[in-house]
Amino acid sequence: MHDSESDTFVYQTWPEKYSSMLKEIGIDSKAKDIGTDDVEHGDYYSRYFAHSPRMITNRGCLEIENSNIDVIQIIQKG
């Protein structure tokens, strides 16, 4: 590493990363812990169609403040 770069890396979860990106464009949000919201407990896609992925990974949720959008769920299809 160069002398001007820090040797310390701050670990961030996916919701924390997206929250910081939204903050840069002026949107206030708060990262929630994985599995704490009701949105995360249901099925993500229908199992009756061929193009629906079978494996979905929940990456967490963001709570948006001062908006009509209450929660954003971050998922990864596999």
Protein backbone atom coordinates (compact mmCIF):
# COMPACT_ATOMS: atom_id res chain seq x y z
CA MET A 1 0.00 0.00 0.00
CA HIS A 2 1.03 3.57 -0.48
CA ASP A 3 1.83 5.76 2.48
CA SER A 4 -1.24 7.92 1.88
CA GLU A 5 -3.64 4.95 2.10
CA SER A 6 -5.04 3.72 5.37
CA ASP A 7 -4.18 0.23 6.60
CA THR A 8 -7.55 -0.12 8.34
CA PHE A 9 -10.54 -1.50 6.45
CA VAL A 10 -14.05 -0.97 7.80
CA TYR A 11 -16.31 -4.00 7.31
CA GLN A 12 -19.78 -3.06 6.06
CA THR A 13 -22.77 -5.25 5.33
CA TRP A 14 -24.68 -4.83 2.05
CA PRO A 15 -27.41 -2.71 3.67
CA GLU A 16 -24.76 -0.45 5.21
CA LYS A 17 -23.06 -0.02 1.83
CA TYR A 18 -26.32 0.87 0.09
CA SER A 19 -27.28 3.21 2.93
CA SER A 20 -24.03 5.12 2.54
CA MET A 21 -24.53 5.32 -1.25
CA LEU A 22 -28.04 6.69 -0.76
CA LYS A 23 -26.73 9.22 1.76
CA GLU A 24 -24.38 10.59 -0.91
CA ILE A 25 -27.38 11.51 -3.07
CA GLY A 26 -29.37 12.98 -0.19
CA ILE A 27 -31.65 10.07 0.80
CA ASP A 28 -31.80 9.23 4.50
CA SER A 29 -31.93 5.51 5.23
CA LYS A 30 -31.09 3.10 8.01
CA ALA A 31 -29.67 -0.40 7.60
CA LYS A 32 -31.64 -3.13 9.37
CA ASP A 33 -30.29 -6.44 10.63
CA ILE A 34 -30.89 -9.50 8.46
CA GLY A 35 -34.08 -11.35 9.35
CA THR A 36 -35.65 -8.59 11.45
CA ASP A 37 -38.28 -7.36 8.97
CA ASP A 38 -41.55 -9.06 7.98
CA VAL A 39 -40.71 -8.63 4.28
CA GLU A 40 -37.87 -11.14 4.58
CA HIS A 41 -40.01 -14.07 5.75
CA GLY A 42 -42.04 -14.76 2.58
CA ASP A 43 -41.20 -16.34 -0.77
CA TYR A 44 -39.37 -14.08 -3.19
CA TYR A 45 -40.53 -15.60 -6.47
CA SER A 46 -43.20 -18.00 -7.63
CA ARG A 47 -42.10 -21.63 -7.97
CA TYR A 48 -44.55 -22.36 -10.82
CA PHE A 49 -42.63 -20.71 -13.67
CA ALA A 50 -39.52 -22.10 -15.35
CA HIS A 51 -37.51 -18.87 -15.30
CA SER A 52 -37.92 -18.31 -11.57
CA PRO A 53 -34.67 -18.87 -9.70
CA ARG A 54 -34.67 -21.55 -7.02
CA MET A 55 -31.91 -20.17 -4.83
CA ILE A 56 -32.35 -16.68 -3.39
CA THR A 57 -30.05 -15.14 -0.78
CA ASN A 58 -31.40 -12.46 1.53
CA ARG A 59 -28.85 -9.69 2.03
CA GLY A 60 -30.90 -7.50 4.38
CA CYS A 61 -33.18 -4.46 4.33
CA LEU A 62 -33.02 -0.68 4.34
CA GLU A 63 -35.55 1.53 6.05
CA ILE A 64 -36.10 4.73 4.04
CA GLU A 65 -37.01 7.92 5.93
CA ASN A 66 -39.28 10.73 4.62
CA SER A 67 -40.47 8.71 1.62
CA ASN A 68 -43.47 6.73 0.40
CA ILE A 69 -41.17 3.70 0.28
CA ASP A 70 -41.00 2.02 3.68
CA VAL A 71 -38.48 -0.80 3.17
CA ILE A 72 -36.06 -1.89 0.44
CA GLN A 73 -35.03 -5.54 0.54
CA ILE A 74 -31.68 -6.53 -0.96
CA ILE A 75 -31.71 -10.02 -2.47
CA GLN A 76 -29.27 -11.97 -4.61
CA LYS A 77 -30.49 -14.63 -7.00
CA GLY A 78 -28.29 -17.61 -7.58
